[in-house]
Protein backbone atom coordinates (compact mmCIF):
# COMPACT_ATOMS: atom_id res chain seq x y z
CA UNK A 1 0.00 0.00 0.00
CA UNK A 2 1.21 3.49 -0.87
CA UNK A 3 -0.14 6.84 0.19
CA UNK A 4 -0.43 10.20 -1.48
CA UNK A 5 -0.46 12.93 1.15
CA UNK A 6 -0.83 16.69 1.23
CA UNK A 7 0.55 19.01 3.88
CA UNK A 8 -0.52 22.58 4.54
CA UNK A 9 2.73 24.37 5.35
CA UNK A 10 3.21 27.30 7.73
CA UNK A 11 3.32 29.77 4.82
CA UNK A 12 -0.09 28.46 3.59
CA UNK A 13 1.40 26.54 0.66
CA UNK A 14 0.55 22.92 -0.16
CA UNK A 15 3.10 20.12 -0.36
CA UNK A 16 2.22 16.84 -2.09
CA UNK A 17 4.20 13.63 -1.64
CA UNK A 18 3.97 9.85 -1.60
CA UNK A 19 5.16 7.20 0.84
CA UNK A 20 4.62 3.60 1.83
CA UNK A 21 4.61 4.47 5.56
CA UNK A 22 2.60 7.61 6.25
CA UNK A 23 3.23 7.79 10.01
CA UNK A 24 6.99 7.49 9.58
CA UNK A 25 7.11 9.98 6.73
CA UNK A 26 5.14 12.60 8.65
CA UNK A 27 7.44 12.19 11.65
CA UNK A 28 10.49 12.65 9.39
CA UNK A 29 8.93 15.88 8.07
CA UNK A 30 8.15 17.05 11.64
CA UNK A 31 11.77 16.50 12.63
CA UNK A 32 12.93 18.64 9.70
CA UNK A 33 14.62 15.68 8.01
CA UNK A 34 12.17 15.34 5.11
CA UNK A 35 12.10 17.51 2.04
CA UNK A 36 13.87 20.87 1.97
CA UNK A 37 10.58 22.47 0.96
CA UNK A 38 8.73 21.35 4.09
CA UNK A 39 11.78 21.84 6.35
CA UNK A 40 11.84 25.55 5.50
CA UNK A 41 8.09 25.91 6.09
CA UNK A 42 7.54 24.17 9.44
CA UNK A 43 5.24 23.57 11.18
CA UNK A 44 2.73 21.93 8.86
CA UNK A 45 -0.72 20.38 9.08
CA UNK A 46 -1.46 17.03 7.45
CA UNK A 47 -4.70 17.68 5.53
CA UNK A 48 -5.13 14.81 3.05
CA UNK A 49 -4.27 11.15 2.54
CA UNK A 50 -5.22 8.85 -0.32
CA UNK A 51 -4.44 5.11 -0.38
CA UNK A 52 -3.12 3.56 -3.59
CA UNK A 53 -2.39 -0.07 -4.44
CA UNK A 54 1.15 0.30 -5.82
CA UNK A 55 4.10 2.65 -6.09
CA UNK A 56 3.38 3.04 -9.79
CA UNK A 57 -0.20 4.16 -9.09
CA UNK A 58 1.02 6.52 -6.38
CA UNK A 59 3.59 8.13 -8.68
CA UNK A 60 1.00 8.61 -11.43
CA UNK A 61 -1.49 10.09 -8.98
CA UNK A 62 1.18 12.39 -7.51
CA UNK A 63 1.93 13.80 -10.96
CA UNK A 64 -1.79 14.23 -11.62
CA UNK A 65 -2.33 16.13 -8.36
CA UNK A 66 0.84 18.22 -8.68
CA UNK A 67 -0.35 19.39 -12.10
CA UNK A 68 -3.46 20.91 -10.54
CA UNK A 69 -3.47 24.51 -9.41
CA UNK A 70 -3.87 25.24 -5.72
CA UNK A 71 -7.57 25.95 -6.26
CA UNK A 72 -7.86 22.82 -8.40
CA UNK A 73 -6.44 20.71 -5.58
CA UNK A 74 -8.76 22.28 -3.02
CA UNK A 75 -11.84 21.65 -5.20
CA UNK A 76 -10.93 18.23 -6.63
CA UNK A 77 -9.83 16.76 -3.30
CA UNK A 78 -12.31 18.68 -1.12
CA UNK A 79 -9.47 20.01 1.05
CA UNK A 80 -10.34 21.83 4.26
CA UNK A 81 -7.97 24.78 4.51
C-alpha atoms as a PDB file:
ATOM      1  CA  UNK A   1       0.000   0.000   0.000  1.00  0.00           C
ATOM      2  CA  UNK A   2       1.211   3.489  -0.872  1.00  0.00           C
ATOM      3  CA  UNK A   3      -0.136   6.840   0.195  1.00  0.00           C
ATOM      4  CA  UNK A   4      -0.428  10.202  -1.483  1.00  0.00           C
ATOM      5  CA  UNK A   5      -0.456  12.930   1.153  1.00  0.00           C
ATOM      6  CA  UNK A   6      -0.829  16.689   1.230  1.00  0.00           C
ATOM      7  CA  UNK A   7       0.552  19.012   3.877  1.00  0.00           C
ATOM      8  CA  UNK A   8      -0.517  22.579   4.537  1.00  0.00           C
ATOM      9  CA  UNK A   9       2.729  24.375   5.355  1.00  0.00           C
ATOM     10  CA  UNK A  10       3.210  27.299   7.732  1.00  0.00           C
ATOM     11  CA  UNK A  11       3.316  29.769   4.816  1.00  0.00           C
ATOM     12  CA  UNK A  12      -0.090  28.462   3.593  1.00  0.00           C
ATOM     13  CA  UNK A  13       1.402  26.538   0.659  1.00  0.00           C
ATOM     14  CA  UNK A  14       0.552  22.924  -0.160  1.00  0.00           C
ATOM     15  CA  UNK A  15       3.098  20.116  -0.361  1.00  0.00           C
ATOM     16  CA  UNK A  16       2.218  16.838  -2.089  1.00  0.00           C
ATOM     17  CA  UNK A  17       4.203  13.634  -1.639  1.00  0.00           C
ATOM     18  CA  UNK A  18       3.967   9.846  -1.600  1.00  0.00           C
ATOM     19  CA  UNK A  19       5.160   7.197   0.839  1.00  0.00           C
ATOM     20  CA  UNK A  20       4.618   3.596   1.826  1.00  0.00           C
ATOM     21  CA  UNK A  21       4.610   4.469   5.557  1.00  0.00           C
ATOM     22  CA  UNK A  22       2.596   7.608   6.251  1.00  0.00           C
ATOM     23  CA  UNK A  23       3.234   7.792  10.010  1.00  0.00           C
ATOM     24  CA  UNK A  24       6.992   7.487   9.579  1.00  0.00           C
ATOM     25  CA  UNK A  25       7.113   9.982   6.726  1.00  0.00           C
ATOM     26  CA  UNK A  26       5.135  12.597   8.651  1.00  0.00           C
ATOM     27  CA  UNK A  27       7.439  12.194  11.645  1.00  0.00           C
ATOM     28  CA  UNK A  28      10.487  12.645   9.389  1.00  0.00           C
ATOM     29  CA  UNK A  29       8.926  15.877   8.070  1.00  0.00           C
ATOM     30  CA  UNK A  30       8.155  17.045  11.639  1.00  0.00           C
ATOM     31  CA  UNK A  31      11.772  16.496  12.629  1.00  0.00           C
ATOM     32  CA  UNK A  32      12.935  18.642   9.701  1.00  0.00           C
ATOM     33  CA  UNK A  33      14.619  15.684   8.012  1.00  0.00           C
ATOM     34  CA  UNK A  34      12.170  15.343   5.113  1.00  0.00           C
ATOM     35  CA  UNK A  35      12.095  17.513   2.039  1.00  0.00           C
ATOM     36  CA  UNK A  36      13.869  20.873   1.967  1.00  0.00           C
ATOM     37  CA  UNK A  37      10.584  22.469   0.963  1.00  0.00           C
ATOM     38  CA  UNK A  38       8.734  21.355   4.092  1.00  0.00           C
ATOM     39  CA  UNK A  39      11.776  21.844   6.347  1.00  0.00           C
ATOM     40  CA  UNK A  40      11.840  25.546   5.505  1.00  0.00           C
ATOM     41  CA  UNK A  41       8.086  25.906   6.092  1.00  0.00           C
ATOM     42  CA  UNK A  42       7.542  24.168   9.442  1.00  0.00           C
ATOM     43  CA  UNK A  43       5.237  23.572  11.180  1.00  0.00           C
ATOM     44  CA  UNK A  44       2.729  21.934   8.857  1.00  0.00           C
ATOM     45  CA  UNK A  45      -0.719  20.384   9.077  1.00  0.00           C
ATOM     46  CA  UNK A  46      -1.465  17.027   7.452  1.00  0.00           C
ATOM     47  CA  UNK A  47      -4.701  17.681   5.527  1.00  0.00           C
ATOM     48  CA  UNK A  48      -5.133  14.810   3.045  1.00  0.00           C
ATOM     49  CA  UNK A  49      -4.267  11.147   2.537  1.00  0.00           C
ATOM     50  CA  UNK A  50      -5.218   8.852  -0.316  1.00  0.00           C
ATOM     51  CA  UNK A  51      -4.441   5.115  -0.385  1.00  0.00           C
ATOM     52  CA  UNK A  52      -3.119   3.557  -3.592  1.00  0.00           C
ATOM     53  CA  UNK A  53      -2.388  -0.066  -4.444  1.00  0.00           C
ATOM     54  CA  UNK A  54       1.150   0.303  -5.823  1.00  0.00           C
ATOM     55  CA  UNK A  55       4.103   2.651  -6.088  1.00  0.00           C
ATOM     56  CA  UNK A  56       3.380   3.038  -9.786  1.00  0.00           C
ATOM     57  CA  UNK A  57      -0.198   4.156  -9.088  1.00  0.00           C
ATOM     58  CA  UNK A  58       1.017   6.518  -6.380  1.00  0.00           C
ATOM     59  CA  UNK A  59       3.591   8.132  -8.680  1.00  0.00           C
ATOM     60  CA  UNK A  60       0.996   8.612 -11.427  1.00  0.00           C
ATOM     61  CA  UNK A  61      -1.486  10.095  -8.978  1.00  0.00           C
ATOM     62  CA  UNK A  62       1.185  12.393  -7.509  1.00  0.00           C
ATOM     63  CA  UNK A  63       1.927  13.803 -10.962  1.00  0.00           C
ATOM     64  CA  UNK A  64      -1.786  14.234 -11.618  1.00  0.00           C
ATOM     65  CA  UNK A  65      -2.330  16.127  -8.356  1.00  0.00           C
ATOM     66  CA  UNK A  66       0.840  18.224  -8.676  1.00  0.00           C
ATOM     67  CA  UNK A  67      -0.346  19.387 -12.102  1.00  0.00           C
ATOM     68  CA  UNK A  68      -3.461  20.906 -10.539  1.00  0.00           C
ATOM     69  CA  UNK A  69      -3.466  24.510  -9.412  1.00  0.00           C
ATOM     70  CA  UNK A  70      -3.868  25.241  -5.717  1.00  0.00           C
ATOM     71  CA  UNK A  71      -7.572  25.946  -6.263  1.00  0.00           C
ATOM     72  CA  UNK A  72      -7.857  22.821  -8.404  1.00  0.00           C
ATOM     73  CA  UNK A  73      -6.442  20.708  -5.579  1.00  0.00           C
ATOM     74  CA  UNK A  74      -8.760  22.283  -3.022  1.00  0.00           C
ATOM     75  CA  UNK A  75     -11.843  21.647  -5.196  1.00  0.00           C
ATOM     76  CA  UNK A  76     -10.925  18.227  -6.630  1.00  0.00           C
ATOM     77  CA  UNK A  77      -9.833  16.757  -3.298  1.00  0.00           C
ATOM     78  CA  UNK A  78     -12.308  18.678  -1.119  1.00  0.00           C
ATOM     79  CA  UNK A  79      -9.467  20.008   1.050  1.00  0.00           C
ATOM     80  CA  UNK A  80     -10.339  21.832   4.257  1.00  0.00           C
ATOM     81  CA  UNK A  81      -7.973  24.784   4.508  1.00  0.00           C
END
